[in-house]
Amino acid sequence: MVNLLSLFTLSLLSLSSLASATTEAQSPTEGTVPFELRQLTTDSFKLSTSSGLWLVEHYSPQCGHCREFAPTWAKIAEEKKDLEKVTGFHMAQVNCLAQGDLCNSNGVKFYPDIRLYQDGIELDPYTLSRSPGVLTEYIETISRRYAKRAPVASPVTAGVGASGVQDVKGRAGSEVVSLDKAGLEKVKQDGGFVKFFAPWCGHCKKLAPVFAELASELAGQITVAEVNCEDLPALCKSEGVLGYPQLFLFANGQKYEHTGARSLSSMSAFAKKALASGDLEYVNADNINDIAKKEEVFFIYLHSYSSSAEDLKTVMDASRSLIGSATVFQSRDPDLFKLTGVSPLSGPVLLSFKDHTPSTPLLTLAFTPTPKTLSVEKVASFLEENKLPTVVKLDSGNFGDVMKNKRGSLVVLAGLRAGDENGREKLREVATAWRKGGRKFDQGVIFAWMDGDKWGKWLSSNYGMSKSKMPQVVVADPSKYEYYDVTLELEKIEFEGASIFSTLEGVYQHFLKPRSIESWGERAMRAFGLKMQGWQDRATSHPVISLLALGAFTLTGLWAIRTCVRWDFPEVGHQKLTERLD
């Protein structure tokens, strides 16, 4: 009885000593939430350790080494508590006096027994020194290593086959399929790469054999098809076809337009990227330099272990708007947070990198903690606005992205002779300075240059540039078929920063009068075409009102004709007013 009483008293003293050590290590300041060591039980152990990285101390309150180690464990656990949100690292304890069955099932033979669990799997036990310095260094190493690895599974991987390509119904053979309205609807549902063309179009004829090769290359992956817009004009109009050939890819419930080069490699890469599962490739600080060497523009969604899956899905969905252009990656590597100067505790961010620079993001879209995540449209808009390099080389392959982009951006367009490296570097310096301190146009400003030797005639006919006078520059407004070639002082714009800035300022203030790249006849025809398009759109939107208006117009016309006929050719007994009275 005495022995049992002594043992009970010793247990109470041990618990009191352990609690005292823990309390001493915590010493919370006034106004803060006291830190509590996480205790695992038989009921919570398996579920808790199934996700993340867990360092678990199995201890006994009766163990002298455990009591001696208690302040160190409590202090480090409090210091590293933020790692739970950043890297998914957790520290916890199991009281083997209270959870004997759990400790037995875990094979605990001595105390304290420190073990590491990763996503539910037990790794090598901790056998190093229990000194604060050694344990802290160990925790930093394993938590960083865990965070640098790609997540076990992305929240959106449905439909991905073994090849990593999204499953698409109705996979076709190696020939281009001609579509009617019903066929197009099926392709839109099942997936397909569709060319809208006209038989008389020269560019369409040139594309035909390349498109046939594309069908052969993508055989078994997606249908490659075409729609003859001469035979089906209403169908093409309903799909938004504005010119020939126009290429649309339907996949994953989305519609993408291919505006890049119409080469086999470009179209094939575009299609395969669109067919990908949608997961964002995982990167870390170890390979960021290699990516920056290959990618002139790229984005990284930098998130932590506690970031919501909903935010990641939003970025994944928005990234589809970049099919065929810049790439969006993801990472939760602590070293990448440090490299880019972003705090992992501030919430996930979307970073924009340009000009092969891996350590300095140019722009940041923050996913600050809010009751509602950012919309797909807002994220897609950020990606669209920043998908081009600081300075773009303009050619036929990216003409649509630059001169016909969705925002209707102004374009500072320079004509440079081939090999003019100094001119390109000077334009880059001007563009960088404008990005840092220039006016913020709602539609944005793009800086671009063209090879004057290759595109000299086009630059001359549209913007009055001359090869002999290059480098030359204008500020173009492609959406209005206009451009500006003078400064605020009404002097000819020069190829230097102050002059370009002056012209942009004049455009911003609506002080300068633009020049048109069209003749008066072309402007009149375009205005007439837009007017007709407007009438057609209104008729389509309001068919009943349009029919009533057409009927009224017809009746009015018939009445007017009848009146004129009676006026000139009256019945017997009426005198023509056109007859002479003399």
Foldseek 3Di string as FASTA:
>chain_A
DVVVVVVVVLLVVLVVLLVVLLCVLFPDDPPDDTDDAAEDAPVRVQVLLLAAKEKEWEAESNDPVCSVLNNLLNNVQVVCVCLCWQQVYHYHYYHCVVHVVVCVVVVDDDPGWIWMGHNRRTDDTDDDDSDNVVVNVVSVVVSLVRQQDDDPDAPFQPQQDPVQFRQFPPQAALAAAEDDPVRVVVCLVRKEKEWEAEPVDPVQVVLVVQLSRLSHVCHPPGHYYYYHCVVVVVSCVVVVDDDPTWIWIHDPNDIATQQFDSGNVLVNQLNRQLRGRLDAAEHEPVCLLVVLVVAQKEKEWAAGPNADSVQRVLLSVLCSRQRSFYGYHYGSRPVLCVLQVHDNVQGIKMFIHHRSDRRHTPDIDHQGDDPDGDHSVVSNVVCLQRRDHLEAADDSRCCCSALVNPLQAKEWEWEAAPPPPVLVVQLSVLSVVCSVDNDDDSSYYYYYYYHCVVCVVVCCLQPNDHPVPPRDIWTDRNVQQWIGQFFPVRHGQDSHNVSVRRRVVCVVVVNDDIDHSDDPVVVVVVVVVVVVVVVVVVCVVPVVVVVVVVVVVVVVVVVVVVVVCCQQPPDPPDDRPPDDPD
